[in-house]
Amino acid sequence: MSDSGSGTRYYWCVRHQRVETDADVCPAKHVLGPYASASDAEQALQRVQERNEAWEAEDARWAGEES
């Protein structure tokens, strides 16, 4: 079953640690998204971590701190 194309937007709630939709979404300060699918929302924190690590590595390269 595919979530895409349904018009529903999905969010990851960092307060409740769950996927939420427009119908039950917490205030914006508690959510990441919107995402096109529940699966994408479930992976939000992993993506944040990966992006932060990549940015930190780029900052270190920029500052000449490569290891």
N, C-alpha and C. Protein backbone atom coordinates (compact mmCIF):
# COMPACT_ATOMS: atom_id res chain seq x y z
N MET A 1 0.84 -1.18 0.00
CA MET A 1 0.00 0.00 0.00
C MET A 1 0.88 1.24 0.00
N SER A 2 0.62 2.17 -0.87
CA SER A 2 1.43 3.38 -1.00
C SER A 2 0.69 4.57 -0.42
N ASP A 3 1.45 5.40 0.33
CA ASP A 3 0.86 6.59 0.91
C ASP A 3 0.88 7.76 -0.05
N SER A 4 1.80 7.73 -1.02
CA SER A 4 1.97 8.87 -1.91
C SER A 4 0.76 9.02 -2.82
N GLY A 5 0.47 10.27 -3.17
CA GLY A 5 -0.64 10.55 -4.06
C GLY A 5 -1.97 10.71 -3.35
N SER A 6 -2.01 10.45 -2.06
CA SER A 6 -3.27 10.55 -1.34
C SER A 6 -3.57 11.97 -0.89
N GLY A 7 -2.57 12.88 -0.98
CA GLY A 7 -2.77 14.24 -0.52
C GLY A 7 -2.55 14.40 0.98
N THR A 8 -2.41 13.31 1.67
CA THR A 8 -2.16 13.35 3.11
C THR A 8 -0.71 13.70 3.35
N ARG A 9 -0.47 14.57 4.31
CA ARG A 9 0.89 14.91 4.70
C ARG A 9 1.18 14.25 6.04
N TYR A 10 2.42 13.80 6.19
CA TYR A 10 2.84 13.07 7.38
C TYR A 10 3.95 13.84 8.09
N TYR A 11 3.98 13.73 9.40
CA TYR A 11 4.94 14.44 10.22
C TYR A 11 5.52 13.48 11.25
N TRP A 12 6.75 13.74 11.70
CA TRP A 12 7.31 12.99 12.82
C TRP A 12 7.21 13.89 14.04
N CYS A 13 6.50 13.43 15.06
CA CYS A 13 6.33 14.18 16.29
C CYS A 13 7.46 13.79 17.25
N VAL A 14 8.32 14.74 17.57
CA VAL A 14 9.43 14.46 18.48
C VAL A 14 8.95 14.38 19.93
N ARG A 15 7.81 14.91 20.20
CA ARG A 15 7.23 14.86 21.55
C ARG A 15 6.66 13.47 21.85
N HIS A 16 5.92 12.92 20.89
CA HIS A 16 5.27 11.62 21.09
C HIS A 16 6.00 10.46 20.43
N GLN A 17 7.06 10.78 19.64
CA GLN A 17 7.83 9.75 18.95
C GLN A 17 6.93 8.87 18.08
N ARG A 18 6.15 9.55 17.21
CA ARG A 18 5.25 8.82 16.32
C ARG A 18 4.98 9.64 15.06
N VAL A 19 4.43 8.96 14.07
CA VAL A 19 3.99 9.62 12.85
C VAL A 19 2.61 10.20 13.11
N GLU A 20 2.43 11.43 12.63
CA GLU A 20 1.13 12.08 12.74
C GLU A 20 0.74 12.61 11.36
N THR A 21 -0.55 12.82 11.17
CA THR A 21 -1.06 13.36 9.91
C THR A 21 -1.68 14.73 10.17
N ASP A 22 -2.11 15.38 9.10
CA ASP A 22 -2.77 16.67 9.24
C ASP A 22 -3.95 16.60 10.23
N ALA A 23 -4.58 15.45 10.30
CA ALA A 23 -5.76 15.29 11.15
C ALA A 23 -5.43 15.31 12.64
N ASP A 24 -4.19 14.96 12.99
CA ASP A 24 -3.87 14.85 14.42
C ASP A 24 -2.49 15.42 14.77
N VAL A 25 -1.99 16.34 13.95
CA VAL A 25 -0.63 16.83 14.12
C VAL A 25 -0.51 17.76 15.33
N CYS A 26 0.59 17.60 16.05
CA CYS A 26 0.92 18.48 17.17
C CYS A 26 1.36 19.84 16.65
N PRO A 27 1.54 20.82 17.53
CA PRO A 27 2.04 22.12 17.10
C PRO A 27 3.38 22.00 16.38
N ALA A 28 3.65 22.94 15.49
CA ALA A 28 4.84 22.90 14.63
C ALA A 28 6.14 22.77 15.42
N LYS A 29 6.21 23.31 16.62
CA LYS A 29 7.45 23.24 17.40
C LYS A 29 7.78 21.81 17.82
N HIS A 30 6.85 20.88 17.66
CA HIS A 30 7.06 19.49 18.07
C HIS A 30 7.21 18.52 16.90
N VAL A 31 7.13 19.00 15.65
CA VAL A 31 7.13 18.07 14.52
C VAL A 31 8.17 18.41 13.47
N LEU A 32 8.58 17.37 12.75
CA LEU A 32 9.42 17.49 11.56
C LEU A 32 8.54 17.14 10.37
N GLY A 33 8.68 17.85 9.29
CA GLY A 33 7.90 17.54 8.11
C GLY A 33 7.26 18.78 7.56
N PRO A 34 6.43 18.63 6.60
CA PRO A 34 5.70 17.43 6.21
C PRO A 34 6.49 16.53 5.27
N TYR A 35 6.09 15.28 5.25
CA TYR A 35 6.65 14.25 4.38
C TYR A 35 5.53 13.66 3.54
N ALA A 36 5.90 13.09 2.41
CA ALA A 36 4.92 12.53 1.48
C ALA A 36 4.37 11.19 1.94
N SER A 37 5.11 10.48 2.81
CA SER A 37 4.64 9.17 3.25
C SER A 37 4.95 8.96 4.73
N ALA A 38 4.23 8.04 5.32
CA ALA A 38 4.47 7.70 6.72
C ALA A 38 5.87 7.13 6.89
N SER A 39 6.33 6.36 5.93
CA SER A 39 7.66 5.79 5.97
C SER A 39 8.73 6.88 6.00
N ASP A 40 8.58 7.90 5.17
CA ASP A 40 9.53 9.02 5.17
C ASP A 40 9.53 9.72 6.52
N ALA A 41 8.36 9.91 7.10
CA ALA A 41 8.26 10.56 8.41
C ALA A 41 8.95 9.73 9.49
N GLU A 42 8.78 8.41 9.43
CA GLU A 42 9.42 7.53 10.42
C GLU A 42 10.94 7.61 10.37
N GLN A 43 11.49 7.95 9.22
CA GLN A 43 12.94 8.02 9.04
C GLN A 43 13.49 9.43 9.26
N ALA A 44 12.66 10.35 9.70
CA ALA A 44 13.06 11.75 9.82
C ALA A 44 14.27 11.94 10.72
N LEU A 45 14.27 11.35 11.90
CA LEU A 45 15.39 11.55 12.83
C LEU A 45 16.69 10.97 12.28
N GLN A 46 16.59 9.85 11.58
CA GLN A 46 17.78 9.27 10.97
C GLN A 46 18.35 10.22 9.92
N ARG A 47 17.48 10.81 9.11
CA ARG A 47 17.93 11.76 8.10
C ARG A 47 18.56 12.99 8.74
N VAL A 48 17.97 13.48 9.82
CA VAL A 48 18.53 14.63 10.53
C VAL A 48 19.94 14.30 11.02
N GLN A 49 20.11 13.14 11.62
CA GLN A 49 21.42 12.74 12.11
C GLN A 49 22.44 12.64 10.97
N GLU A 50 22.06 12.02 9.87
CA GLU A 50 22.96 11.88 8.73
C GLU A 50 23.36 13.24 8.17
N ARG A 51 22.41 14.13 8.05
CA ARG A 51 22.71 15.47 7.52
C ARG A 51 23.59 16.25 8.48
N ASN A 52 23.33 16.15 9.77
CA ASN A 52 24.17 16.85 10.75
C ASN A 52 25.61 16.34 10.69
N GLU A 53 25.78 15.04 10.58
CA GLU A 53 27.13 14.47 10.49
C GLU A 53 27.84 14.96 9.23
N ALA A 54 27.12 15.01 8.12
CA ALA A 54 27.71 15.48 6.86
C ALA A 54 28.09 16.96 6.97
N TRP A 55 27.24 17.76 7.57
CA TRP A 55 27.54 19.18 7.73
C TRP A 55 28.73 19.40 8.66
N GLU A 56 28.78 18.62 9.75
CA GLU A 56 29.91 18.74 10.68
C GLU A 56 31.22 18.36 9.99
N ALA A 57 31.19 17.32 9.17
CA ALA A 57 32.39 16.91 8.43
C ALA A 57 32.79 18.00 7.44
N GLU A 58 31.83 18.60 6.78
CA GLU A 58 32.12 19.68 5.84
C GLU A 58 32.68 20.90 6.58
N ASP A 59 32.12 21.22 7.74
CA ASP A 59 32.65 22.33 8.54
C ASP A 59 34.09 22.06 8.95
N ALA A 60 34.38 20.83 9.34
CA ALA A 60 35.75 20.48 9.74
C ALA A 60 36.71 20.59 8.55
N ARG A 61 36.26 20.13 7.38
CA ARG A 61 37.10 20.27 6.17
C ARG A 61 37.33 21.75 5.86
N TRP A 62 36.31 22.54 5.97
CA TRP A 62 36.41 23.97 5.69
C TRP A 62 37.39 24.65 6.65
N ALA A 63 37.37 24.22 7.91
CA ALA A 63 38.25 24.80 8.93
C ALA A 63 39.64 24.18 8.91
N GLY A 64 39.87 23.20 8.03
CA GLY A 64 41.18 22.56 7.94
C GLY A 64 41.42 21.54 9.03
N GLU A 65 40.36 20.97 9.57
CA GLU A 65 40.47 20.01 10.67
C GLU A 65 40.21 18.59 10.19
N GLU A 66 40.53 18.29 8.96
CA GLU A 66 40.28 16.93 8.45
C GLU A 66 41.06 15.92 9.26
N SER A 67 40.45 14.79 9.44
CA SER A 67 41.15 13.71 10.15
C SER A 67 41.39 12.55 9.23
